[in-house]
N, C-alpha and C. Protein backbone atom coordinates (compact mmCIF):
# COMPACT_ATOMS: atom_id res chain seq x y z
N MET A 1 -3.11 19.36 9.77
CA MET A 1 -3.40 18.44 8.71
C MET A 1 -3.75 19.25 7.46
N THR A 2 -3.09 18.93 6.36
CA THR A 2 -3.34 19.69 5.14
C THR A 2 -4.22 18.89 4.19
N ASP A 3 -5.10 19.60 3.53
CA ASP A 3 -5.93 18.99 2.51
C ASP A 3 -5.17 19.02 1.20
N ARG A 4 -5.44 18.03 0.37
CA ARG A 4 -4.82 17.98 -0.96
C ARG A 4 -5.94 17.92 -2.00
N ILE A 5 -5.63 18.35 -3.18
CA ILE A 5 -6.56 18.27 -4.29
C ILE A 5 -6.06 17.17 -5.22
N LEU A 6 -6.93 16.19 -5.47
CA LEU A 6 -6.61 15.12 -6.42
C LEU A 6 -7.52 15.25 -7.62
N GLU A 7 -7.00 14.92 -8.77
CA GLU A 7 -7.83 14.89 -9.96
C GLU A 7 -8.14 13.42 -10.27
N ILE A 8 -9.43 13.12 -10.37
CA ILE A 8 -9.86 11.75 -10.66
C ILE A 8 -10.72 11.77 -11.92
N GLU A 9 -10.92 10.59 -12.49
CA GLU A 9 -11.80 10.48 -13.66
C GLU A 9 -12.77 9.35 -13.43
N ILE A 10 -14.05 9.67 -13.59
CA ILE A 10 -15.12 8.69 -13.47
C ILE A 10 -16.05 8.86 -14.65
N PHE A 11 -16.24 7.78 -15.38
CA PHE A 11 -17.17 7.74 -16.50
C PHE A 11 -16.86 8.85 -17.51
N GLY A 12 -15.55 9.02 -17.76
CA GLY A 12 -15.12 9.99 -18.76
C GLY A 12 -15.11 11.44 -18.31
N GLN A 13 -15.50 11.69 -17.08
CA GLN A 13 -15.52 13.06 -16.55
C GLN A 13 -14.39 13.22 -15.54
N ARG A 14 -13.71 14.34 -15.62
CA ARG A 14 -12.65 14.63 -14.66
C ARG A 14 -13.21 15.47 -13.53
N TYR A 15 -12.77 15.13 -12.32
CA TYR A 15 -13.20 15.85 -11.12
C TYR A 15 -11.98 16.16 -10.28
N LYS A 16 -12.02 17.30 -9.63
CA LYS A 16 -11.01 17.62 -8.63
C LYS A 16 -11.68 17.45 -7.29
N ILE A 17 -11.06 16.63 -6.44
CA ILE A 17 -11.63 16.40 -5.12
C ILE A 17 -10.61 16.76 -4.05
N ARG A 18 -11.12 17.21 -2.94
CA ARG A 18 -10.28 17.56 -1.80
C ARG A 18 -10.23 16.33 -0.88
N VAL A 19 -9.03 15.92 -0.51
CA VAL A 19 -8.86 14.79 0.40
C VAL A 19 -8.03 15.22 1.59
N LYS A 20 -8.28 14.56 2.70
CA LYS A 20 -7.51 14.84 3.91
C LYS A 20 -6.09 14.34 3.72
N GLY A 21 -5.17 14.95 4.43
CA GLY A 21 -3.76 14.65 4.29
C GLY A 21 -3.39 13.19 4.41
N GLU A 22 -4.05 12.45 5.31
CA GLU A 22 -3.63 11.07 5.55
C GLU A 22 -4.26 10.07 4.59
N GLU A 23 -5.21 10.52 3.78
CA GLU A 23 -5.86 9.59 2.87
C GLU A 23 -4.89 9.17 1.77
N ASP A 24 -4.86 7.88 1.54
CA ASP A 24 -3.95 7.27 0.60
C ASP A 24 -4.48 7.44 -0.83
N GLU A 25 -3.64 7.91 -1.73
CA GLU A 25 -4.05 8.09 -3.12
C GLU A 25 -4.44 6.76 -3.76
N LYS A 26 -3.78 5.68 -3.34
CA LYS A 26 -4.10 4.35 -3.88
C LYS A 26 -5.53 3.96 -3.47
N TYR A 27 -5.90 4.25 -2.24
CA TYR A 27 -7.25 3.97 -1.74
C TYR A 27 -8.27 4.78 -2.54
N ILE A 28 -8.01 6.07 -2.74
CA ILE A 28 -8.89 6.92 -3.53
C ILE A 28 -9.01 6.35 -4.95
N GLY A 29 -7.91 5.85 -5.47
CA GLY A 29 -7.92 5.23 -6.80
C GLY A 29 -8.82 4.01 -6.85
N HIS A 30 -8.81 3.21 -5.78
CA HIS A 30 -9.69 2.03 -5.73
C HIS A 30 -11.16 2.46 -5.70
N LEU A 31 -11.46 3.47 -4.91
CA LEU A 31 -12.84 3.98 -4.85
C LEU A 31 -13.28 4.50 -6.21
N THR A 32 -12.40 5.27 -6.83
CA THR A 32 -12.70 5.83 -8.15
C THR A 32 -12.96 4.72 -9.16
N SER A 33 -12.12 3.69 -9.15
CA SER A 33 -12.29 2.56 -10.07
C SER A 33 -13.61 1.84 -9.84
N LEU A 34 -13.98 1.66 -8.58
CA LEU A 34 -15.23 0.98 -8.27
C LEU A 34 -16.42 1.76 -8.82
N VAL A 35 -16.46 3.06 -8.57
CA VAL A 35 -17.58 3.89 -9.04
C VAL A 35 -17.60 3.91 -10.57
N ASP A 36 -16.44 4.06 -11.18
CA ASP A 36 -16.36 4.07 -12.64
C ASP A 36 -16.86 2.75 -13.22
N GLN A 37 -16.43 1.65 -12.63
CA GLN A 37 -16.85 0.32 -13.10
C GLN A 37 -18.36 0.15 -12.97
N LYS A 38 -18.91 0.54 -11.83
CA LYS A 38 -20.36 0.41 -11.62
C LYS A 38 -21.14 1.25 -12.63
N MET A 39 -20.65 2.45 -12.89
CA MET A 39 -21.35 3.31 -13.86
C MET A 39 -21.32 2.70 -15.25
N HIS A 40 -20.19 2.11 -15.63
CA HIS A 40 -20.10 1.46 -16.94
C HIS A 40 -21.03 0.24 -17.01
N GLU A 41 -21.09 -0.54 -15.94
CA GLU A 41 -22.00 -1.69 -15.90
C GLU A 41 -23.45 -1.25 -16.06
N VAL A 42 -23.84 -0.21 -15.32
CA VAL A 42 -25.21 0.30 -15.39
C VAL A 42 -25.50 0.85 -16.78
N ALA A 43 -24.55 1.56 -17.37
CA ALA A 43 -24.75 2.14 -18.70
C ALA A 43 -25.02 1.05 -19.73
N VAL A 44 -24.29 -0.05 -19.64
CA VAL A 44 -24.49 -1.16 -20.58
C VAL A 44 -25.85 -1.81 -20.36
N LYS A 45 -26.19 -2.07 -19.11
CA LYS A 45 -27.47 -2.73 -18.80
C LYS A 45 -28.67 -1.85 -19.11
N SER A 46 -28.58 -0.57 -18.79
CA SER A 46 -29.73 0.32 -18.95
C SER A 46 -29.83 0.91 -20.36
N LYS A 47 -28.75 0.82 -21.10
CA LYS A 47 -28.69 1.40 -22.45
C LYS A 47 -29.09 2.87 -22.45
N SER A 48 -28.77 3.56 -21.34
CA SER A 48 -29.09 4.97 -21.20
C SER A 48 -27.84 5.80 -21.43
N ALA A 49 -28.03 6.99 -21.96
CA ALA A 49 -26.93 7.92 -22.13
C ALA A 49 -26.99 9.05 -21.11
N ASP A 50 -28.02 9.03 -20.27
CA ASP A 50 -28.21 10.06 -19.25
C ASP A 50 -27.25 9.80 -18.09
N THR A 51 -26.20 10.61 -18.01
CA THR A 51 -25.16 10.42 -17.01
C THR A 51 -25.70 10.50 -15.58
N THR A 52 -26.64 11.39 -15.34
CA THR A 52 -27.22 11.52 -14.00
C THR A 52 -27.96 10.25 -13.63
N LYS A 53 -28.75 9.74 -14.55
CA LYS A 53 -29.49 8.49 -14.30
C LYS A 53 -28.52 7.34 -14.04
N ILE A 54 -27.48 7.26 -14.83
CA ILE A 54 -26.47 6.20 -14.66
C ILE A 54 -25.80 6.32 -13.30
N ALA A 55 -25.47 7.56 -12.90
CA ALA A 55 -24.82 7.77 -11.61
C ALA A 55 -25.74 7.36 -10.45
N VAL A 56 -27.02 7.73 -10.55
CA VAL A 56 -27.97 7.38 -9.48
C VAL A 56 -28.15 5.87 -9.41
N LEU A 57 -28.30 5.21 -10.55
CA LEU A 57 -28.47 3.74 -10.55
C LEU A 57 -27.20 3.04 -10.03
N ALA A 58 -26.04 3.57 -10.38
CA ALA A 58 -24.78 3.00 -9.86
C ALA A 58 -24.71 3.18 -8.35
N ALA A 59 -25.12 4.35 -7.87
CA ALA A 59 -25.12 4.60 -6.41
C ALA A 59 -26.07 3.63 -5.72
N LEU A 60 -27.23 3.38 -6.32
CA LEU A 60 -28.17 2.41 -5.73
C LEU A 60 -27.57 1.01 -5.70
N ASN A 61 -26.88 0.62 -6.75
CA ASN A 61 -26.23 -0.70 -6.78
C ASN A 61 -25.16 -0.81 -5.70
N ILE A 62 -24.37 0.24 -5.55
CA ILE A 62 -23.31 0.24 -4.52
C ILE A 62 -23.94 0.21 -3.13
N ALA A 63 -25.02 0.98 -2.93
CA ALA A 63 -25.71 0.98 -1.63
C ALA A 63 -26.29 -0.40 -1.33
N ASP A 64 -26.84 -1.06 -2.35
CA ASP A 64 -27.38 -2.41 -2.17
C ASP A 64 -26.28 -3.37 -1.73
N GLU A 65 -25.13 -3.31 -2.39
CA GLU A 65 -24.00 -4.17 -2.01
C GLU A 65 -23.56 -3.89 -0.58
N LEU A 66 -23.54 -2.61 -0.20
CA LEU A 66 -23.17 -2.23 1.16
C LEU A 66 -24.13 -2.83 2.18
N PHE A 67 -25.44 -2.67 1.94
CA PHE A 67 -26.43 -3.19 2.89
C PHE A 67 -26.41 -4.71 2.96
N LEU A 68 -26.23 -5.39 1.81
CA LEU A 68 -26.14 -6.85 1.82
C LEU A 68 -24.89 -7.31 2.59
N SER A 69 -23.79 -6.61 2.40
CA SER A 69 -22.56 -6.94 3.14
C SER A 69 -22.75 -6.72 4.63
N GLN A 70 -23.41 -5.62 4.99
CA GLN A 70 -23.65 -5.32 6.41
C GLN A 70 -24.57 -6.38 7.01
N LYS A 71 -25.59 -6.81 6.27
CA LYS A 71 -26.50 -7.85 6.76
C LYS A 71 -25.75 -9.16 6.98
N LYS A 72 -24.88 -9.51 6.04
CA LYS A 72 -24.09 -10.73 6.17
C LYS A 72 -23.15 -10.63 7.37
N LEU A 73 -22.53 -9.47 7.55
CA LEU A 73 -21.64 -9.25 8.69
C LEU A 73 -22.41 -9.37 10.01
N ASP A 74 -23.61 -8.79 10.06
CA ASP A 74 -24.44 -8.90 11.27
C ASP A 74 -24.79 -10.36 11.56
N GLN A 75 -25.11 -11.12 10.51
CA GLN A 75 -25.43 -12.54 10.69
C GLN A 75 -24.21 -13.31 11.19
N LEU A 76 -23.05 -13.02 10.65
CA LEU A 76 -21.82 -13.68 11.09
C LEU A 76 -21.50 -13.33 12.54
N ASN A 77 -21.68 -12.06 12.90
CA ASN A 77 -21.43 -11.65 14.29
C ASN A 77 -22.41 -12.34 15.24
N GLU A 78 -23.67 -12.49 14.81
CA GLU A 78 -24.65 -13.17 15.64
C GLU A 78 -24.29 -14.65 15.80
N ALA A 79 -23.87 -15.29 14.71
CA ALA A 79 -23.46 -16.69 14.78
C ALA A 79 -22.23 -16.85 15.68
N LEU A 80 -21.31 -15.92 15.58
CA LEU A 80 -20.12 -15.95 16.43
C LEU A 80 -20.50 -15.81 17.89
N GLY A 81 -21.45 -14.91 18.18
CA GLY A 81 -21.92 -14.76 19.55
C GLY A 81 -22.53 -16.03 20.09
N HIS A 82 -23.32 -16.72 19.25
CA HIS A 82 -23.91 -17.99 19.67
C HIS A 82 -22.83 -19.04 19.94
N MET A 83 -21.82 -19.07 19.08
CA MET A 83 -20.72 -20.03 19.27
C MET A 83 -19.96 -19.74 20.55
N GLU A 84 -19.70 -18.46 20.82
CA GLU A 84 -18.99 -18.10 22.04
C GLU A 84 -19.79 -18.53 23.27
N THR A 85 -21.11 -18.32 23.23
CA THR A 85 -21.97 -18.73 24.34
C THR A 85 -21.94 -20.24 24.51
N GLU A 86 -21.98 -20.95 23.40
CA GLU A 86 -21.95 -22.41 23.45
C GLU A 86 -20.63 -22.92 24.00
N ILE A 87 -19.54 -22.30 23.58
CA ILE A 87 -18.21 -22.71 24.08
C ILE A 87 -18.12 -22.45 25.58
N GLU A 88 -18.61 -21.30 26.03
CA GLU A 88 -18.58 -20.99 27.45
C GLU A 88 -19.40 -21.99 28.25
N SER A 89 -20.51 -22.47 27.70
CA SER A 89 -21.35 -23.43 28.42
C SER A 89 -20.70 -24.81 28.47
N LEU A 90 -19.76 -25.07 27.55
CA LEU A 90 -19.09 -26.37 27.54
C LEU A 90 -17.92 -26.43 28.50
N GLU A 91 -17.43 -25.29 28.93
CA GLU A 91 -16.32 -25.26 29.87
C GLU A 91 -16.78 -25.83 31.20
N ILE A 92 -16.02 -26.81 31.70
CA ILE A 92 -16.37 -27.47 32.96
C ILE A 92 -15.47 -26.94 34.05
N PRO A 93 -16.06 -26.35 35.07
CA PRO A 93 -15.22 -25.85 36.16
C PRO A 93 -14.55 -27.01 36.90
N VAL A 94 -13.32 -26.81 37.26
CA VAL A 94 -12.57 -27.84 37.98
C VAL A 94 -12.68 -27.53 39.47
N ALA A 95 -13.26 -28.48 40.21
CA ALA A 95 -13.42 -28.29 41.66
C ALA A 95 -12.12 -28.68 42.36
N ALA A 96 -11.91 -28.14 43.53
CA ALA A 96 -10.69 -28.38 44.28
C ALA A 96 -10.56 -29.83 44.71
N ASP A 97 -11.68 -30.53 44.89
CA ASP A 97 -11.59 -31.91 45.37
C ASP A 97 -11.64 -32.92 44.24
N ASP A 98 -11.52 -32.52 43.01
CA ASP A 98 -11.50 -33.47 41.89
C ASP A 98 -10.25 -34.32 41.98
N HIS A 99 -10.23 -35.34 41.17
CA HIS A 99 -9.08 -36.24 41.14
C HIS A 99 -7.83 -35.47 40.75
N THR A 100 -6.73 -35.85 41.39
CA THR A 100 -5.46 -35.25 41.02
C THR A 100 -4.65 -36.29 40.29
N PHE A 101 -3.88 -35.83 39.36
CA PHE A 101 -3.08 -36.74 38.56
C PHE A 101 -1.62 -36.53 38.93
N SER A 102 -0.85 -37.62 38.87
CA SER A 102 0.57 -37.53 39.19
C SER A 102 1.36 -38.04 38.01
N ASP A 103 2.68 -37.88 38.12
CA ASP A 103 3.57 -38.37 37.05
C ASP A 103 3.48 -39.86 36.94
N ALA A 104 3.68 -40.37 35.74
CA ALA A 104 3.63 -41.80 35.49
C ALA A 104 4.79 -42.53 36.16
N ASP A 105 5.87 -41.82 36.49
CA ASP A 105 7.05 -42.43 37.10
C ASP A 105 6.79 -42.84 38.56
N GLU A 106 5.85 -42.22 39.19
CA GLU A 106 5.63 -42.50 40.61
C GLU A 106 5.04 -43.89 40.76
N SER A 107 5.48 -44.58 41.79
CA SER A 107 4.96 -45.92 42.03
C SER A 107 3.64 -45.79 42.79
N PRO A 108 2.74 -46.73 42.53
CA PRO A 108 1.45 -46.68 43.21
C PRO A 108 1.61 -46.88 44.71
N SER A 109 0.74 -46.31 45.49
CA SER A 109 0.85 -46.44 46.95
C SER A 109 0.21 -47.69 47.41
């Protein structure tokens, strides 16, 4: 597997990053855009020119979104587990001596 060097730009700064061979440049582009967008949002809200401060606040915002998404995913998985348990409890086992049904064409005995 070969590593590649990509040049990206975030918040007006160019960076060369090493990526693994199978990583998609389009995916890296999406990540770059997200970080750049967050940094611009933080810069506007904080009215700060300190790039390090902006980067740290953007990282905190991204981490917050990650943790909130993970919490929501955990809640959905828990709800799904409860639903699966409820569905399993609703299943009625069919006993061998239960009523049997026949075709409507058959005449009654």
